[in-house]
Amino acid sequence: MTVQLILFFILAIVAVLTAVGMLVSKNAVYAALYLILNFAAVAVFYLLLNAPFLAVAQVTVYAGAIMVLFLFVIMLLGAEKLGQSQVQAWQRPLAIGLGLILAAEMVYILVSGAGGLVVASQGTTINPDFGSPANVGMELFTKYLLPFEVTSVLLLVAIVGAIVMTRVEKK
């Protein structure tokens, strides 16, 4: 086993554990902190793929700006102090059923190899421009311009929604 493969497996375990910790955490602030750790693990995955620009962007954009926004909204709304919400009778069986369907799909993809996973051979070379700022910028603002703009509008709507939800009406 190579050092990269060992590091990959360690990071995979960290990424899965932090994702599970985020999902089962009762405190919203702790869930956000678990998500930051998950973003950091993903950033190291990008480093293993020789994409340092994407790793830095992952840390600065997601773990930095977006998580600051999430924590700001959590603190502003007081979501960490909210009690347990009422669960409808139909929600738990639906969630279990959908989870079982997802698990069956994952097992099918892993067993049949239908996932289309391509393993690079030893002689495969990576394009030297892969993950460079110029290449990412060209792809982002040409091929992926519409999803980029839709994401920016969604973030703007989320900010406006948080402000409207916390606004106190004067009487």
Protein backbone atom coordinates (compact mmCIF):
# COMPACT_ATOMS: atom_id res chain seq x y z
CA MET A 1 0.00 0.00 0.00
CA THR A 2 1.19 3.44 -0.85
CA VAL A 3 1.14 6.41 1.50
CA GLN A 4 -1.52 8.10 -0.65
CA LEU A 5 -3.80 5.08 -0.40
CA ILE A 6 -3.41 4.89 3.38
CA LEU A 7 -4.09 8.61 3.68
CA PHE A 8 -7.12 8.21 1.42
CA PHE A 9 -8.61 5.50 3.65
CA ILE A 10 -7.96 7.52 6.81
CA LEU A 11 -9.58 10.58 5.24
CA ALA A 12 -12.50 8.49 3.99
CA ILE A 13 -13.14 7.29 7.54
CA VAL A 14 -12.88 10.87 8.86
CA ALA A 15 -15.23 12.16 6.15
CA VAL A 16 -17.84 9.48 6.83
CA LEU A 17 -17.63 9.87 10.62
CA THR A 18 -17.95 13.65 10.47
CA ALA A 19 -20.91 13.35 8.09
CA VAL A 20 -22.61 10.91 10.46
CA GLY A 21 -21.75 13.15 13.41
CA MET A 22 -23.36 16.07 11.61
CA LEU A 23 -26.53 14.08 11.00
CA VAL A 24 -26.95 12.71 14.53
CA SER A 25 -25.85 15.81 16.43
CA LYS A 26 -28.63 17.29 18.59
CA ASN A 27 -26.94 20.71 18.70
CA ALA A 28 -27.03 22.73 15.47
CA VAL A 29 -23.71 24.43 16.22
CA TYR A 30 -21.96 21.09 16.70
CA ALA A 31 -23.52 19.85 13.46
CA ALA A 32 -22.07 22.88 11.65
CA LEU A 33 -18.65 22.20 13.17
CA TYR A 34 -18.82 18.57 12.02
CA LEU A 35 -19.63 19.89 8.55
CA ILE A 36 -16.52 22.11 8.65
CA LEU A 37 -14.39 19.05 9.47
CA ASN A 38 -16.01 17.22 6.58
CA PHE A 39 -15.17 20.10 4.24
CA ALA A 40 -11.55 19.98 5.44
CA ALA A 41 -11.36 16.25 4.69
CA VAL A 42 -12.72 16.87 1.20
CA ALA A 43 -10.10 19.60 0.72
CA VAL A 44 -7.35 17.10 1.50
CA PHE A 45 -8.92 14.72 -1.03
CA TYR A 46 -8.45 17.49 -3.61
CA LEU A 47 -4.81 17.79 -2.58
CA LEU A 48 -4.39 14.05 -3.13
CA LEU A 49 -5.78 14.57 -6.65
CA ASN A 50 -3.15 17.26 -7.37
CA ALA A 51 -5.75 20.05 -7.43
CA PRO A 52 -4.42 22.59 -4.92
CA PHE A 53 -6.61 25.42 -6.21
CA LEU A 54 -9.75 23.38 -5.64
CA ALA A 55 -8.54 22.48 -2.14
CA VAL A 56 -7.97 26.11 -1.24
CA ALA A 57 -11.31 27.08 -2.77
CA GLN A 58 -13.00 24.30 -0.77
CA VAL A 59 -11.59 25.63 2.48
CA THR A 60 -12.12 29.33 1.80
CA VAL A 61 -15.53 29.16 0.16
CA TYR A 62 -17.22 26.32 2.02
CA ALA A 63 -15.45 26.00 5.36
CA GLY A 64 -14.91 29.74 5.50
CA ALA A 65 -17.65 31.83 3.96
CA ILE A 66 -20.60 29.44 3.75
CA MET A 67 -20.10 27.98 7.22
CA VAL A 68 -19.77 31.46 8.72
CA LEU A 69 -23.11 32.23 7.09
CA PHE A 70 -24.64 29.01 8.47
CA LEU A 71 -23.33 29.68 11.97
CA PHE A 72 -24.54 33.27 11.77
CA VAL A 73 -28.05 32.11 10.85
CA ILE A 74 -28.01 29.41 13.54
CA MET A 75 -26.98 31.91 16.19
CA LEU A 76 -29.36 34.57 14.89
CA LEU A 77 -32.37 32.27 14.87
CA GLY A 78 -31.44 30.53 18.10
CA ALA A 79 -31.75 27.14 16.41
CA GLU A 80 -29.37 25.52 18.91
CA LYS A 81 -31.98 26.08 21.64
CA LEU A 82 -34.99 24.70 19.79
CA GLY A 83 -36.67 21.64 21.25
CA GLN A 84 -37.51 18.40 19.50
CA SER A 85 -39.99 18.98 16.70
CA GLN A 86 -43.10 16.88 16.29
CA VAL A 87 -42.63 13.93 13.97
CA GLN A 88 -45.59 12.90 11.84
CA ALA A 89 -46.53 9.21 11.92
CA TRP A 90 -45.81 8.73 8.22
CA GLN A 91 -42.33 10.31 8.24
CA ARG A 92 -40.38 7.56 10.01
CA PRO A 93 -41.57 4.65 7.76
CA LEU A 94 -40.99 6.79 4.67
CA ALA A 95 -37.47 7.66 5.80
CA ILE A 96 -36.66 4.02 6.56
CA GLY A 97 -38.06 2.91 3.19
CA LEU A 98 -36.10 5.52 1.26
CA GLY A 99 -32.94 4.66 3.22
CA LEU A 100 -33.36 0.97 2.35
CA ILE A 101 -33.85 1.85 -1.34
CA LEU A 102 -30.67 3.95 -1.26
CA ALA A 103 -28.74 1.14 0.45
CA ALA A 104 -29.99 -1.37 -2.15
CA GLU A 105 -28.89 0.95 -4.96
CA MET A 106 -25.43 1.33 -3.43
CA VAL A 107 -25.05 -2.45 -3.04
CA TYR A 108 -26.19 -2.97 -6.65
CA ILE A 109 -23.72 -0.40 -7.97
CA LEU A 110 -20.84 -1.83 -5.94
CA VAL A 111 -21.58 -5.46 -6.85
CA SER A 112 -22.42 -5.00 -10.53
CA GLY A 113 -19.86 -2.31 -11.29
CA ALA A 114 -22.60 -0.23 -12.94
CA GLY A 115 -21.29 2.95 -11.34
CA GLY A 116 -18.92 3.59 -14.20
CA LEU A 117 -15.89 3.96 -11.93
CA VAL A 118 -12.80 4.24 -14.08
CA VAL A 119 -9.54 3.25 -12.45
CA ALA A 120 -6.48 5.00 -13.80
CA SER A 121 -3.69 2.74 -14.90
CA GLN A 122 -0.05 3.33 -14.02
CA GLY A 123 0.72 4.90 -17.40
CA THR A 124 -2.10 7.44 -17.21
CA THR A 125 -1.01 11.04 -17.03
CA ILE A 126 -3.08 13.89 -15.65
CA ASN A 127 -3.41 17.09 -17.62
CA PRO A 128 -1.03 19.61 -15.99
CA ASP A 129 -3.75 22.28 -16.14
CA PHE A 130 -6.18 20.15 -14.13
CA GLY A 131 -7.37 22.20 -11.18
CA SER A 132 -5.44 25.32 -12.14
CA PRO A 133 -7.15 28.68 -11.48
CA ALA A 134 -7.26 29.54 -15.19
CA ASN A 135 -8.79 26.19 -16.15
CA VAL A 136 -11.34 26.31 -13.33
CA GLY A 137 -12.29 29.89 -14.24
CA MET A 138 -12.76 29.04 -17.91
CA GLU A 139 -14.95 26.04 -17.08
CA LEU A 140 -16.91 27.93 -14.43
CA PHE A 141 -17.72 30.98 -16.54
CA THR A 142 -18.32 29.20 -19.84
CA LYS A 143 -19.68 25.68 -19.39
CA TYR A 144 -21.11 26.11 -15.87
CA LEU A 145 -22.22 29.76 -15.94
CA LEU A 146 -25.93 29.05 -15.39
CA PRO A 147 -25.46 26.77 -12.33
CA PHE A 148 -22.99 29.31 -10.92
CA GLU A 149 -25.51 32.14 -11.26
CA VAL A 150 -28.38 30.01 -9.88
CA THR A 151 -26.26 29.19 -6.83
CA SER A 152 -25.51 32.85 -6.22
CA VAL A 153 -29.21 33.74 -6.45
CA LEU A 154 -30.10 30.91 -4.03
CA LEU A 155 -27.55 32.17 -1.51
CA LEU A 156 -28.93 35.69 -1.83
CA VAL A 157 -32.47 34.40 -1.25
CA ALA A 158 -31.27 32.49 1.82
CA ILE A 159 -29.70 35.62 3.29
CA VAL A 160 -32.82 37.70 2.63
CA GLY A 161 -34.98 34.91 4.09
CA ALA A 162 -32.89 34.80 7.28
CA ILE A 163 -33.21 38.55 7.69
CA VAL A 164 -36.97 38.48 7.10
CA MET A 165 -37.44 35.57 9.55
CA THR A 166 -35.60 37.37 12.34
CA ARG A 167 -37.03 40.83 11.78
CA VAL A 168 -39.06 42.08 14.72
CA GLU A 169 -42.16 44.10 13.85
CA LYS A 170 -42.48 47.39 15.68
CA LYS A 171 -45.89 48.09 17.18
